[in-house]
N, C-alpha and C. Protein backbone atom coordinates (compact mmCIF):
# COMPACT_ATOMS: atom_id res chain seq x y z
N VAL A 1 10.45 19.39 -5.91
CA VAL A 1 9.41 18.44 -6.27
C VAL A 1 9.36 17.31 -5.25
N ARG A 2 10.53 16.81 -4.82
CA ARG A 2 10.54 15.70 -3.86
C ARG A 2 9.85 16.06 -2.56
N SER A 3 10.09 17.27 -2.04
CA SER A 3 9.45 17.65 -0.78
C SER A 3 7.94 17.74 -0.95
N PHE A 4 7.47 18.18 -2.12
CA PHE A 4 6.04 18.22 -2.38
C PHE A 4 5.46 16.81 -2.37
N VAL A 5 6.14 15.88 -3.03
CA VAL A 5 5.66 14.50 -3.09
C VAL A 5 5.62 13.90 -1.70
N ARG A 6 6.68 14.10 -0.91
CA ARG A 6 6.70 13.57 0.46
C ARG A 6 5.56 14.13 1.29
N SER A 7 5.34 15.44 1.26
CA SER A 7 4.27 16.02 2.06
C SER A 7 2.90 15.57 1.56
N PHE A 8 2.77 15.39 0.25
CA PHE A 8 1.51 14.92 -0.32
C PHE A 8 1.22 13.50 0.15
N VAL A 9 2.21 12.63 0.06
CA VAL A 9 2.04 11.23 0.47
C VAL A 9 1.77 11.14 1.96
N ARG A 10 2.47 11.89 2.76
CA ARG A 10 2.30 11.83 4.22
C ARG A 10 1.00 12.44 4.69
N SER A 11 0.30 13.18 3.83
CA SER A 11 -0.97 13.77 4.22
C SER A 11 -2.07 12.73 4.33
N PHE A 12 -1.84 11.55 3.79
CA PHE A 12 -2.82 10.47 3.88
C PHE A 12 -2.64 9.72 5.19
N VAL A 13 -3.74 9.20 5.72
CA VAL A 13 -3.70 8.42 6.95
C VAL A 13 -3.22 7.01 6.61
N GLY A 14 -2.40 6.42 7.47
CA GLY A 14 -1.94 5.06 7.24
C GLY A 14 -0.52 5.04 6.73
N PHE A 15 -0.24 4.07 5.91
CA PHE A 15 1.10 3.93 5.38
C PHE A 15 1.04 3.47 3.93
N MET A 16 2.18 3.62 3.26
CA MET A 16 2.27 3.22 1.87
C MET A 16 3.50 2.33 1.72
N SER A 17 3.37 1.31 0.91
CA SER A 17 4.53 0.46 0.62
C SER A 17 4.68 0.33 -0.89
N VAL A 18 5.88 -0.05 -1.29
CA VAL A 18 6.18 -0.24 -2.70
C VAL A 18 6.83 -1.61 -2.83
N GLY A 19 6.42 -2.37 -3.85
CA GLY A 19 6.97 -3.71 -4.00
C GLY A 19 7.31 -4.03 -5.44
N ILE A 20 8.01 -5.15 -5.59
CA ILE A 20 8.41 -5.62 -6.90
C ILE A 20 8.27 -7.14 -6.91
N ILE A 21 7.80 -7.67 -8.03
CA ILE A 21 7.62 -9.11 -8.17
C ILE A 21 8.71 -9.66 -9.07
N GLY A 22 9.44 -10.66 -8.58
CA GLY A 22 10.47 -11.33 -9.37
C GLY A 22 11.60 -10.47 -9.85
N PRO A 23 12.22 -9.64 -8.96
CA PRO A 23 13.34 -8.83 -9.43
C PRO A 23 14.49 -9.72 -9.89
N LYS A 24 15.07 -9.41 -11.04
CA LYS A 24 16.15 -10.23 -11.58
C LYS A 24 17.50 -9.90 -10.98
N THR A 25 17.69 -8.64 -10.61
CA THR A 25 19.01 -8.24 -10.11
C THR A 25 18.88 -7.43 -8.83
N SER A 26 19.98 -7.34 -8.11
CA SER A 26 20.00 -6.52 -6.90
C SER A 26 19.85 -5.04 -7.25
N GLN A 27 20.24 -4.64 -8.46
CA GLN A 27 20.07 -3.24 -8.88
C GLN A 27 18.60 -2.87 -8.97
N ASN A 28 17.74 -3.82 -9.37
CA ASN A 28 16.29 -3.56 -9.38
C ASN A 28 15.81 -3.22 -7.99
N VAL A 29 16.27 -3.96 -7.01
CA VAL A 29 15.85 -3.73 -5.62
C VAL A 29 16.42 -2.41 -5.11
N GLY A 30 17.66 -2.09 -5.48
CA GLY A 30 18.26 -0.82 -5.08
C GLY A 30 17.48 0.37 -5.64
N SER A 31 17.06 0.28 -6.88
CA SER A 31 16.25 1.34 -7.49
C SER A 31 14.91 1.47 -6.78
N LEU A 32 14.31 0.33 -6.47
CA LEU A 32 13.04 0.32 -5.73
C LEU A 32 13.21 0.99 -4.38
N TRP A 33 14.28 0.66 -3.67
CA TRP A 33 14.53 1.22 -2.34
C TRP A 33 14.66 2.74 -2.41
N ARG A 34 15.47 3.22 -3.33
CA ARG A 34 15.66 4.67 -3.46
C ARG A 34 14.36 5.37 -3.83
N SER A 35 13.63 4.82 -4.79
CA SER A 35 12.37 5.44 -5.22
C SER A 35 11.35 5.44 -4.10
N ALA A 36 11.25 4.33 -3.39
CA ALA A 36 10.28 4.23 -2.28
C ALA A 36 10.61 5.24 -1.19
N TYR A 37 11.89 5.37 -0.88
CA TYR A 37 12.31 6.35 0.13
C TYR A 37 11.94 7.76 -0.30
N GLN A 38 12.20 8.10 -1.55
CA GLN A 38 11.90 9.44 -2.05
C GLN A 38 10.41 9.72 -2.08
N MET A 39 9.59 8.68 -2.23
CA MET A 39 8.13 8.86 -2.25
C MET A 39 7.51 8.80 -0.85
N GLY A 40 8.32 8.54 0.17
CA GLY A 40 7.81 8.52 1.53
C GLY A 40 7.19 7.21 1.95
N ALA A 41 7.58 6.11 1.32
CA ALA A 41 7.02 4.80 1.66
C ALA A 41 7.44 4.39 3.07
N SER A 42 6.63 3.53 3.68
CA SER A 42 6.93 3.01 5.02
C SER A 42 7.85 1.80 4.95
N TYR A 43 7.74 1.02 3.89
CA TYR A 43 8.59 -0.14 3.69
C TYR A 43 8.50 -0.59 2.24
N ILE A 44 9.39 -1.52 1.86
CA ILE A 44 9.32 -2.11 0.53
C ILE A 44 9.22 -3.63 0.68
N PHE A 45 8.80 -4.28 -0.39
CA PHE A 45 8.73 -5.74 -0.36
C PHE A 45 9.07 -6.32 -1.72
N THR A 46 9.53 -7.57 -1.69
CA THR A 46 9.77 -8.31 -2.91
C THR A 46 9.00 -9.62 -2.84
N VAL A 47 8.54 -10.09 -3.97
CA VAL A 47 7.87 -11.39 -4.07
C VAL A 47 8.64 -12.21 -5.09
N GLY A 48 9.14 -13.37 -4.68
CA GLY A 48 9.86 -14.24 -5.60
C GLY A 48 11.17 -13.67 -6.10
N ALA A 49 11.96 -13.13 -5.19
CA ALA A 49 13.23 -12.53 -5.58
C ALA A 49 14.16 -13.54 -6.21
N ARG A 50 14.88 -13.12 -7.25
CA ARG A 50 15.81 -13.99 -7.95
C ARG A 50 17.24 -13.49 -7.85
N TYR A 51 17.54 -12.62 -6.94
CA TYR A 51 18.88 -12.08 -6.81
C TYR A 51 19.55 -12.69 -5.58
N LYS A 52 20.86 -12.57 -5.50
CA LYS A 52 21.60 -13.18 -4.40
C LYS A 52 22.04 -12.17 -3.34
N THR A 53 22.37 -10.96 -3.72
CA THR A 53 22.86 -9.98 -2.77
C THR A 53 22.04 -8.71 -2.85
N GLN A 54 22.11 -7.89 -1.79
CA GLN A 54 21.40 -6.62 -1.77
C GLN A 54 22.13 -5.60 -2.63
N ALA A 55 21.38 -4.66 -3.14
CA ALA A 55 21.94 -3.64 -4.03
C ALA A 55 22.73 -2.58 -3.25
N THR A 56 23.66 -1.96 -3.94
CA THR A 56 24.35 -0.80 -3.38
C THR A 56 23.36 0.35 -3.36
N ASP A 57 23.28 1.02 -2.22
CA ASP A 57 22.26 2.06 -2.04
C ASP A 57 22.94 3.38 -1.71
N THR A 58 22.98 4.30 -2.65
CA THR A 58 23.68 5.56 -2.47
C THR A 58 23.00 6.48 -1.46
N LEU A 59 21.71 6.33 -1.23
CA LEU A 59 20.99 7.15 -0.25
C LEU A 59 20.94 6.51 1.13
N VAL A 60 21.48 5.34 1.27
CA VAL A 60 21.45 4.56 2.51
C VAL A 60 20.01 4.37 2.97
N ALA A 61 19.12 4.19 2.02
CA ALA A 61 17.69 4.01 2.33
C ALA A 61 17.45 2.70 3.06
N HIS A 62 18.36 1.73 2.92
CA HIS A 62 18.16 0.46 3.61
C HIS A 62 18.20 0.62 5.13
N LYS A 63 18.73 1.72 5.63
CA LYS A 63 18.72 1.99 7.07
C LYS A 63 17.44 2.69 7.50
N ARG A 64 16.67 3.17 6.55
CA ARG A 64 15.46 3.93 6.84
C ARG A 64 14.17 3.19 6.51
N LEU A 65 14.25 2.25 5.58
CA LEU A 65 13.06 1.50 5.15
C LEU A 65 13.31 0.02 5.30
N PRO A 66 12.43 -0.70 5.98
CA PRO A 66 12.61 -2.15 6.05
C PRO A 66 12.23 -2.83 4.74
N LEU A 67 12.84 -3.98 4.49
CA LEU A 67 12.55 -4.80 3.32
C LEU A 67 11.93 -6.11 3.79
N PHE A 68 10.75 -6.43 3.27
CA PHE A 68 10.10 -7.70 3.55
C PHE A 68 10.21 -8.55 2.29
N GLU A 69 10.71 -9.78 2.43
CA GLU A 69 10.88 -10.67 1.29
C GLU A 69 9.92 -11.84 1.41
N PHE A 70 9.16 -12.09 0.35
CA PHE A 70 8.20 -13.19 0.31
C PHE A 70 8.61 -14.14 -0.81
N SER A 71 8.57 -15.43 -0.53
CA SER A 71 9.02 -16.40 -1.53
C SER A 71 8.06 -16.53 -2.71
N ASP A 72 6.76 -16.34 -2.45
CA ASP A 72 5.78 -16.44 -3.53
C ASP A 72 4.56 -15.59 -3.19
N TRP A 73 3.65 -15.49 -4.14
CA TRP A 73 2.46 -14.65 -3.99
C TRP A 73 1.58 -15.12 -2.82
N GLY A 74 1.48 -16.42 -2.60
CA GLY A 74 0.68 -16.96 -1.50
C GLY A 74 1.19 -16.51 -0.15
N GLU A 75 2.50 -16.53 0.03
CA GLU A 75 3.09 -16.07 1.28
C GLU A 75 2.81 -14.59 1.50
N PHE A 76 2.91 -13.80 0.43
CA PHE A 76 2.60 -12.37 0.52
C PHE A 76 1.15 -12.15 0.97
N LEU A 77 0.21 -12.87 0.36
CA LEU A 77 -1.20 -12.70 0.72
C LEU A 77 -1.49 -13.12 2.15
N ARG A 78 -0.87 -14.22 2.59
CA ARG A 78 -1.06 -14.65 3.98
C ARG A 78 -0.57 -13.59 4.96
N ALA A 79 0.57 -12.99 4.68
CA ALA A 79 1.12 -11.94 5.55
C ALA A 79 0.23 -10.70 5.50
N ARG A 80 -0.26 -10.36 4.34
CA ARG A 80 -1.11 -9.17 4.18
C ARG A 80 -2.37 -9.29 5.00
N TYR A 81 -3.02 -10.42 4.95
CA TYR A 81 -4.28 -10.58 5.66
C TYR A 81 -4.10 -10.74 7.16
N LYS A 82 -2.93 -11.09 7.63
CA LYS A 82 -2.66 -11.16 9.07
C LYS A 82 -2.61 -9.76 9.68
N THR A 83 -2.27 -8.74 8.88
CA THR A 83 -2.13 -7.38 9.40
C THR A 83 -3.44 -6.63 9.46
N GLN A 84 -4.47 -7.14 8.82
CA GLN A 84 -5.74 -6.39 8.78
C GLN A 84 -6.64 -6.74 9.95
C-alpha cells in the first residue's frame, strides 16, 4: 500500500508538504514526520510549536525531510507568499 501511495503522490507535478498547528509534544511532530515521509511529502512544517525537543524518529525521516518552524500563522503566510 505504501508504494502505491508514494507513486500516486509523486505522479503529481510540484511538491506536497504536511504541517501541524500548535503541536503539544515532540511525539506529535515525530508522528507527523513519519507519516509525511511515508506519503512522499517534500517537507513538513509546524506553526506555533509548543514543544522543547525534537521527537525520536524510528525511520530517521528527519534526515530525509526538512522541517520548517513558524512562530505564528502570519509568519507562515509571509513565507508562503514569498515562494510563489
